[in-house]
Amino acid sequence: MAAKTPTYEQNVPDTVYGYVSARSRGGVSMTEAASPLSARPFHAERDVREQAEEHARQAGLTVTAESMLGFTVAGTPAAFEQLTTGRIVSYEVQQRVEMGRQRSVTHLDIVGDRQPSALGIGAAPGEASIEAVALEEPRIAMRLVPATARPPLVAKFHLTLPDDVARLLNATPAHERGHVGRGVRVAMVDTGQAPHAYFTTHGYDITPTVALAPGTSPDEDPVGHGTGESANIFAVAPGARLLPYRGSDRSGRLTAAMAAFVRAKAEEPRVLTNSWGGRVGFPEEGPLPETHRVWALEILDAVEQGIVVVFASGNGHFSIEPQVPGVLSVGGTFSDPQGKLRASDYTSGYASPWFDGVVVPTVSGLVGLAPLAQYLMLPIPPGCSIDVDESAEGDGTSRDDGWALFSGSSAAAPQIAGAAALLLEARPGLTPRQVAEALARTATDVSTGKNAFGIPARRGPDEATGAGLVNVSAALDFALTHNP
């Protein structure tokens, strides 16, 4: 489906977030990588990166995170305009957002006589160290009285954490054998990580949050998405060490998700989990959009560094991030009150049109059903957006109690990140490919139900649930006996 020509307006925020691609040592721009299989040819020499960064700083931009390929920046529209000689404009796109709703989302572009025609991509004329300037697109999270450590009692069928999630993913036997992911560093890029009595009572290991958007507090999570979804990591890996990265602005919008990803990657965690994604049309026709080539290469670079990169498949979304080769993409399986399994009709699944042999998802975690997927009782900041919204949608909680029923592939991804942490604790030398293989080879097959795109589950691997629902203890046994 070809992208529609946008109608430009002047609704540009005071702070703009972007990415600068430094000149690659291979001589080919990141934006020209049609279906990249490796990020290494796009690495830039150190002196080239330093020249590019100095040029960005002279324009008035702040460098927020760096990698071997380039660096993320933040600054005023005027600073970006000085760097690119173009003009920053906005346009509105109707798209699926949180909780399956449709609304208008503001995107930004760089326009001008000396700018390329690709949406979101700009050039820095006259500066040989810079290949391209990419603007961050809004990412979609795949979803005061102090909150109590214990959740409220509600009538609606749901799963509790950590016990129900650990039991249904068969992590409990592994815990009883002493495998809890102790000390494994799991980074999570999301809307934030706020203090909550639930985490304190359980004694979970959480490092101070790193906030990437200028002027935001590392102790706040206006939406509640990151705080709630992080509980899924500990349900499977109670001994893991969480490294939270806040990629949201003051309103909770994920405007600096890639900046947070690049910063997290630089800290070399063993696992990097992401419950968000960008906007691409579905079904997609034509080559991989240039902006998404840049993000794909940054993600691929993390995989090639040996980091287990986990991405949510989406909740009726179609995004580039889970399609990147080597990414452990996660969809959803619903377990009913009798324990019967079926594909969640809330989560995405499809064959990648750009990367041969890539099917999203790789495996599945536990997710509720459409229309709202109110399934997991998760801890959140009291009075945050999710607290208010889910109570208004009848989840049985109150709007300021610090608890809500929600799920989605956003919840499944950190569950599987926790599973990866257990395997890496037991076998620290496992590669991302070996971790994915252990999880996929031992997953419980799901052969009923359909995903959000109407694709049915069937016997064996499919586009509805991937290899099936992860079986943590079986994957652990496989990793201990099958991998060198």
Foldseek 3Di string as FASTA:
>chain_A
DDDDDFDWDAPDDFKFKWWWFFQFPLRDGLLPCQFDPALNRQFHDPVLQVLVVVLLVVLPWDFQFADRGTTMIMGGQSSVCSQQVWGKIKGWDWDQAPLRDTDIAIFIATDDPQADPFGQWTDRPPRNGTDIMGTFGWKHFLWAPAFDLDDDDFDDAADEPLPRQCVLLQLVVVVVVVQQLAAAEEEEEFQAAADHVNCVVLVAAEDQEAERDPPDDRRDRQAFTVRFLLSLLCSRRVNYHYHYYHQADPNSINRRRLNSVNRVLVVPGQEYEYRIFDADDPPDDDTDRSSLSVVLSSLSNSQVVQHAYEYEQHFLGHGCVQQRPLHQYEFEWEQDPVRAIFFAQRGFWDADPRDPPGTPHQAYGHFAHPDRRQHYKTFGAFQHNQLQVQVVVPQRHHSGNRIGGGGGSSNTRSNLSSLLSSLCVVPVPDGSVLLSCLFLVPADAHAADAYNVRHGRHGAADRRGNSYYGNSVSSNVCSVPPDD
